[in-house]
Amino acid sequence: MKDITTSEVAKKLAAKQPVHLIDVREVDEVAQGKIPGAVNIPLGLLEFRMHELDKSVEYTMVCRSGGRSGMATQLLESHGYKVVNMTGGMLAWEGDVE
C-alpha cells in the first residue's frame, strides 16, 4: 500500500496538481470539515460506489486518523484501482477545510 503524508498532499494542492481526494469518514464527521474538493464516500458504502471511480485516476484516501482510509486503499487496490493512503488523516491535516 502506498502512503502519502498530509504535508505532501498540501504541497500538491498548493501547486495546483491534480489530487483526487476521497474522504471515507461518515457524513456527520465530514460535516465538521473536509479538505476542499474532497468527495465523501463513507467506507461502508465504498464497495457499492466504487463503480463511480475511474481506474485510470489515482485517488488519495482520507479519514480521521488513517485507519479507515487504509482499509479503503486495500479494498480499492484489490479491485485494480490506483490508490494512496493519506497517513495521519484529518487529525494531522493542517491545511484549509470547508
N, C-alpha and C. Protein backbone atom coordinates (compact mmCIF):
# COMPACT_ATOMS: atom_id res chain seq x y z
N MET A 1 0.85 -1.18 0.00
CA MET A 1 0.00 0.00 0.00
C MET A 1 0.89 1.24 0.00
N LYS A 2 0.57 2.16 -0.88
CA LYS A 2 1.31 3.42 -0.95
C LYS A 2 0.71 4.42 0.04
N ASP A 3 1.59 5.19 0.67
CA ASP A 3 1.17 6.23 1.61
C ASP A 3 1.63 7.59 1.12
N ILE A 4 0.93 8.62 1.58
CA ILE A 4 1.32 10.00 1.33
C ILE A 4 1.06 10.77 2.62
N THR A 5 1.92 11.71 2.94
CA THR A 5 1.72 12.49 4.17
C THR A 5 0.77 13.65 3.90
N THR A 6 0.25 14.20 4.98
CA THR A 6 -0.64 15.35 4.84
C THR A 6 0.10 16.54 4.23
N SER A 7 1.37 16.71 4.57
CA SER A 7 2.12 17.85 4.02
C SER A 7 2.37 17.65 2.52
N GLU A 8 2.56 16.40 2.08
CA GLU A 8 2.73 16.16 0.64
C GLU A 8 1.44 16.46 -0.12
N VAL A 9 0.30 16.10 0.47
CA VAL A 9 -0.99 16.41 -0.15
C VAL A 9 -1.17 17.92 -0.23
N ALA A 10 -0.86 18.62 0.86
CA ALA A 10 -1.00 20.08 0.89
C ALA A 10 -0.12 20.73 -0.17
N LYS A 11 1.11 20.24 -0.35
CA LYS A 11 2.01 20.79 -1.36
C LYS A 11 1.45 20.59 -2.76
N LYS A 12 0.90 19.41 -3.03
CA LYS A 12 0.31 19.15 -4.34
C LYS A 12 -0.87 20.08 -4.61
N LEU A 13 -1.72 20.25 -3.60
CA LEU A 13 -2.87 21.15 -3.75
C LEU A 13 -2.41 22.59 -3.98
N ALA A 14 -1.40 23.03 -3.23
CA ALA A 14 -0.88 24.39 -3.38
C ALA A 14 -0.28 24.62 -4.76
N ALA A 15 0.31 23.57 -5.33
CA ALA A 15 0.92 23.66 -6.66
C ALA A 15 -0.10 23.43 -7.78
N LYS A 16 -1.37 23.31 -7.39
CA LYS A 16 -2.46 23.09 -8.35
C LYS A 16 -2.30 21.79 -9.13
N GLN A 17 -1.61 20.81 -8.53
CA GLN A 17 -1.51 19.50 -9.16
C GLN A 17 -2.83 18.77 -8.95
N PRO A 18 -3.21 17.91 -9.89
CA PRO A 18 -4.47 17.18 -9.71
C PRO A 18 -4.37 16.18 -8.56
N VAL A 19 -5.24 16.35 -7.58
CA VAL A 19 -5.31 15.44 -6.45
C VAL A 19 -6.78 15.04 -6.31
N HIS A 20 -7.04 13.76 -6.42
CA HIS A 20 -8.40 13.25 -6.33
C HIS A 20 -8.60 12.64 -4.95
N LEU A 21 -9.23 13.42 -4.07
CA LEU A 21 -9.39 13.03 -2.67
C LEU A 21 -10.74 12.37 -2.44
N ILE A 22 -10.72 11.24 -1.75
CA ILE A 22 -11.96 10.59 -1.33
C ILE A 22 -11.91 10.48 0.18
N ASP A 23 -12.88 11.11 0.83
CA ASP A 23 -12.98 11.12 2.28
C ASP A 23 -13.94 10.00 2.67
N VAL A 24 -13.44 9.00 3.39
CA VAL A 24 -14.25 7.83 3.72
C VAL A 24 -14.87 7.91 5.11
N ARG A 25 -14.83 9.09 5.72
CA ARG A 25 -15.49 9.26 7.03
C ARG A 25 -17.00 9.30 6.85
N GLU A 26 -17.71 9.17 7.96
CA GLU A 26 -19.17 9.24 7.93
C GLU A 26 -19.61 10.68 7.64
N VAL A 27 -20.83 10.82 7.13
CA VAL A 27 -21.37 12.12 6.72
C VAL A 27 -21.30 13.14 7.85
N ASP A 28 -21.63 12.74 9.08
CA ASP A 28 -21.60 13.69 10.20
C ASP A 28 -20.19 14.15 10.52
N GLU A 29 -19.19 13.30 10.29
CA GLU A 29 -17.79 13.70 10.51
C GLU A 29 -17.36 14.71 9.46
N VAL A 30 -17.74 14.45 8.22
CA VAL A 30 -17.37 15.34 7.11
C VAL A 30 -18.03 16.71 7.27
N ALA A 31 -19.22 16.72 7.85
CA ALA A 31 -19.94 17.99 8.05
C ALA A 31 -19.15 18.93 8.97
N GLN A 32 -18.26 18.38 9.79
CA GLN A 32 -17.44 19.21 10.68
C GLN A 32 -16.24 19.81 9.96
N GLY A 33 -16.02 19.41 8.70
CA GLY A 33 -14.94 19.97 7.91
C GLY A 33 -14.23 18.91 7.10
N LYS A 34 -13.96 19.25 5.84
CA LYS A 34 -13.22 18.34 4.96
C LYS A 34 -12.25 19.16 4.13
N ILE A 35 -11.32 18.47 3.51
CA ILE A 35 -10.37 19.14 2.63
C ILE A 35 -11.14 19.62 1.41
N PRO A 36 -10.96 20.89 1.00
CA PRO A 36 -11.69 21.40 -0.15
C PRO A 36 -11.51 20.50 -1.38
N GLY A 37 -12.63 20.17 -2.01
CA GLY A 37 -12.61 19.35 -3.21
C GLY A 37 -12.72 17.86 -2.95
N ALA A 38 -12.62 17.43 -1.70
CA ALA A 38 -12.72 16.01 -1.39
C ALA A 38 -14.15 15.53 -1.60
N VAL A 39 -14.28 14.31 -2.12
CA VAL A 39 -15.57 13.68 -2.33
C VAL A 39 -15.80 12.72 -1.16
N ASN A 40 -17.00 12.80 -0.56
CA ASN A 40 -17.30 11.92 0.57
C ASN A 40 -17.98 10.65 0.09
N ILE A 41 -17.31 9.52 0.34
CA ILE A 41 -17.91 8.20 0.15
C ILE A 41 -17.59 7.42 1.43
N PRO A 42 -18.55 7.33 2.36
CA PRO A 42 -18.27 6.61 3.61
C PRO A 42 -17.74 5.20 3.34
N LEU A 43 -16.82 4.75 4.18
CA LEU A 43 -16.19 3.44 3.99
C LEU A 43 -17.21 2.33 3.78
N GLY A 44 -18.30 2.35 4.55
CA GLY A 44 -19.32 1.31 4.43
C GLY A 44 -20.02 1.28 3.09
N LEU A 45 -19.96 2.37 2.34
CA LEU A 45 -20.60 2.44 1.02
C LEU A 45 -19.62 2.30 -0.13
N LEU A 46 -18.33 2.30 0.17
CA LEU A 46 -17.32 2.32 -0.87
C LEU A 46 -17.43 1.15 -1.84
N GLU A 47 -17.65 -0.04 -1.30
CA GLU A 47 -17.75 -1.22 -2.15
C GLU A 47 -18.90 -1.10 -3.15
N PHE A 48 -19.98 -0.44 -2.74
CA PHE A 48 -21.15 -0.29 -3.59
C PHE A 48 -21.05 0.90 -4.54
N ARG A 49 -20.11 1.82 -4.28
CA ARG A 49 -19.97 3.01 -5.12
C ARG A 49 -18.67 3.05 -5.90
N MET A 50 -17.84 2.03 -5.78
CA MET A 50 -16.54 2.07 -6.47
C MET A 50 -16.70 2.15 -7.99
N HIS A 51 -17.85 1.73 -8.50
CA HIS A 51 -18.08 1.84 -9.95
C HIS A 51 -18.11 3.30 -10.41
N GLU A 52 -18.27 4.24 -9.49
CA GLU A 52 -18.27 5.67 -9.81
C GLU A 52 -16.84 6.19 -10.05
N LEU A 53 -15.84 5.39 -9.68
CA LEU A 53 -14.45 5.81 -9.78
C LEU A 53 -13.83 5.35 -11.09
N ASP A 54 -12.80 6.07 -11.53
CA ASP A 54 -12.10 5.81 -12.78
C ASP A 54 -10.78 5.09 -12.47
N LYS A 55 -10.59 3.91 -13.03
CA LYS A 55 -9.38 3.14 -12.73
C LYS A 55 -8.11 3.77 -13.30
N SER A 56 -8.24 4.76 -14.19
CA SER A 56 -7.06 5.41 -14.75
C SER A 56 -6.59 6.59 -13.89
N VAL A 57 -7.34 6.91 -12.85
CA VAL A 57 -7.04 8.05 -11.98
C VAL A 57 -6.50 7.53 -10.64
N GLU A 58 -5.51 8.24 -10.09
CA GLU A 58 -5.01 7.88 -8.75
C GLU A 58 -5.81 8.65 -7.70
N TYR A 59 -6.33 7.93 -6.73
CA TYR A 59 -7.12 8.52 -5.66
C TYR A 59 -6.34 8.53 -4.35
N THR A 60 -6.53 9.61 -3.60
CA THR A 60 -5.94 9.72 -2.27
C THR A 60 -7.07 9.55 -1.27
N MET A 61 -6.93 8.54 -0.41
CA MET A 61 -7.97 8.23 0.56
C MET A 61 -7.70 8.95 1.87
N VAL A 62 -8.77 9.52 2.46
CA VAL A 62 -8.67 10.33 3.68
C VAL A 62 -9.71 9.85 4.69
N CYS A 63 -9.34 9.82 5.96
CA CYS A 63 -10.29 9.57 7.04
C CYS A 63 -9.85 10.40 8.25
N ARG A 64 -10.30 10.02 9.44
CA ARG A 64 -9.97 10.79 10.63
C ARG A 64 -8.51 10.65 11.02
N SER A 65 -8.01 9.38 11.06
CA SER A 65 -6.65 9.17 11.54
C SER A 65 -5.77 8.33 10.60
N GLY A 66 -6.35 7.74 9.58
CA GLY A 66 -5.58 6.94 8.63
C GLY A 66 -5.95 5.47 8.62
N GLY A 67 -6.71 5.00 9.60
CA GLY A 67 -7.09 3.60 9.67
C GLY A 67 -8.13 3.19 8.64
N ARG A 68 -9.25 3.91 8.60
CA ARG A 68 -10.30 3.58 7.64
C ARG A 68 -9.83 3.84 6.21
N SER A 69 -9.06 4.89 6.01
CA SER A 69 -8.56 5.16 4.66
C SER A 69 -7.59 4.06 4.23
N GLY A 70 -6.87 3.47 5.18
CA GLY A 70 -6.01 2.33 4.87
C GLY A 70 -6.82 1.14 4.40
N MET A 71 -7.95 0.87 5.08
CA MET A 71 -8.83 -0.22 4.67
C MET A 71 -9.41 0.06 3.28
N ALA A 72 -9.80 1.33 3.05
CA ALA A 72 -10.36 1.71 1.76
C ALA A 72 -9.32 1.55 0.65
N THR A 73 -8.07 1.91 0.96
CA THR A 73 -6.98 1.77 -0.01
C THR A 73 -6.80 0.30 -0.38
N GLN A 74 -6.79 -0.57 0.60
CA GLN A 74 -6.63 -2.00 0.33
C GLN A 74 -7.80 -2.55 -0.49
N LEU A 75 -9.02 -2.14 -0.16
CA LEU A 75 -10.20 -2.59 -0.89
C LEU A 75 -10.11 -2.19 -2.36
N LEU A 76 -9.83 -0.91 -2.60
CA LEU A 76 -9.78 -0.43 -3.98
C LEU A 76 -8.61 -1.03 -4.75
N GLU A 77 -7.44 -1.17 -4.09
CA GLU A 77 -6.30 -1.79 -4.75
C GLU A 77 -6.64 -3.21 -5.19
N SER A 78 -7.39 -3.94 -4.37
CA SER A 78 -7.73 -5.32 -4.69
C SER A 78 -8.68 -5.41 -5.90
N HIS A 79 -9.28 -4.28 -6.26
CA HIS A 79 -10.15 -4.23 -7.44
C HIS A 79 -9.49 -3.50 -8.61
N GLY A 80 -8.19 -3.27 -8.51
CA GLY A 80 -7.45 -2.71 -9.63
C GLY A 80 -7.38 -1.20 -9.72
N TYR A 81 -7.74 -0.50 -8.66
CA TYR A 81 -7.67 0.97 -8.65
C TYR A 81 -6.30 1.43 -8.18
N LYS A 82 -5.91 2.63 -8.64
CA LYS A 82 -4.66 3.27 -8.18
C LYS A 82 -5.02 4.14 -6.98
N VAL A 83 -4.47 3.81 -5.83
CA VAL A 83 -4.87 4.47 -4.59
C VAL A 83 -3.68 4.69 -3.68
N VAL A 84 -3.69 5.81 -2.96
CA VAL A 84 -2.71 6.06 -1.90
C VAL A 84 -3.46 6.45 -0.63
N ASN A 85 -2.88 6.12 0.51
CA ASN A 85 -3.49 6.41 1.80
C ASN A 85 -2.82 7.64 2.42
N MET A 86 -3.63 8.64 2.81
CA MET A 86 -3.08 9.81 3.48
C MET A 86 -2.90 9.46 4.96
N THR A 87 -1.65 9.30 5.36
CA THR A 87 -1.34 8.92 6.74
C THR A 87 -1.66 10.07 7.71
N GLY A 88 -2.15 9.70 8.86
CA GLY A 88 -2.47 10.71 9.88
C GLY A 88 -3.86 11.27 9.76
N GLY A 89 -4.45 11.18 8.59
CA GLY A 89 -5.82 11.63 8.38
C GLY A 89 -6.06 13.09 8.72
N MET A 90 -7.32 13.40 8.98
CA MET A 90 -7.70 14.78 9.26
C MET A 90 -7.13 15.27 10.59
N LEU A 91 -6.79 14.35 11.49
CA LEU A 91 -6.17 14.78 12.75
C LEU A 91 -4.82 15.44 12.50
N ALA A 92 -4.14 15.02 11.42
CA ALA A 92 -2.82 15.58 11.10
C ALA A 92 -2.90 16.68 10.05
N TRP A 93 -4.06 16.88 9.45
CA TRP A 93 -4.22 17.88 8.38
C TRP A 93 -4.13 19.29 8.95
N GLU A 94 -3.25 20.11 8.36
CA GLU A 94 -3.08 21.48 8.81
C GLU A 94 -3.53 22.50 7.78
N GLY A 95 -4.01 22.01 6.64
CA GLY A 95 -4.43 22.89 5.55
C GLY A 95 -5.85 23.37 5.73
N ASP A 96 -6.37 23.99 4.67
CA ASP A 96 -7.73 24.52 4.68
C ASP A 96 -8.75 23.39 4.79
N VAL A 97 -9.90 23.74 5.38
CA VAL A 97 -11.05 22.84 5.41
C VAL A 97 -12.27 23.63 4.99
N GLU A 98 -13.26 22.91 4.48
CA GLU A 98 -14.52 23.56 4.12
C GLU A 98 -15.67 22.84 4.76
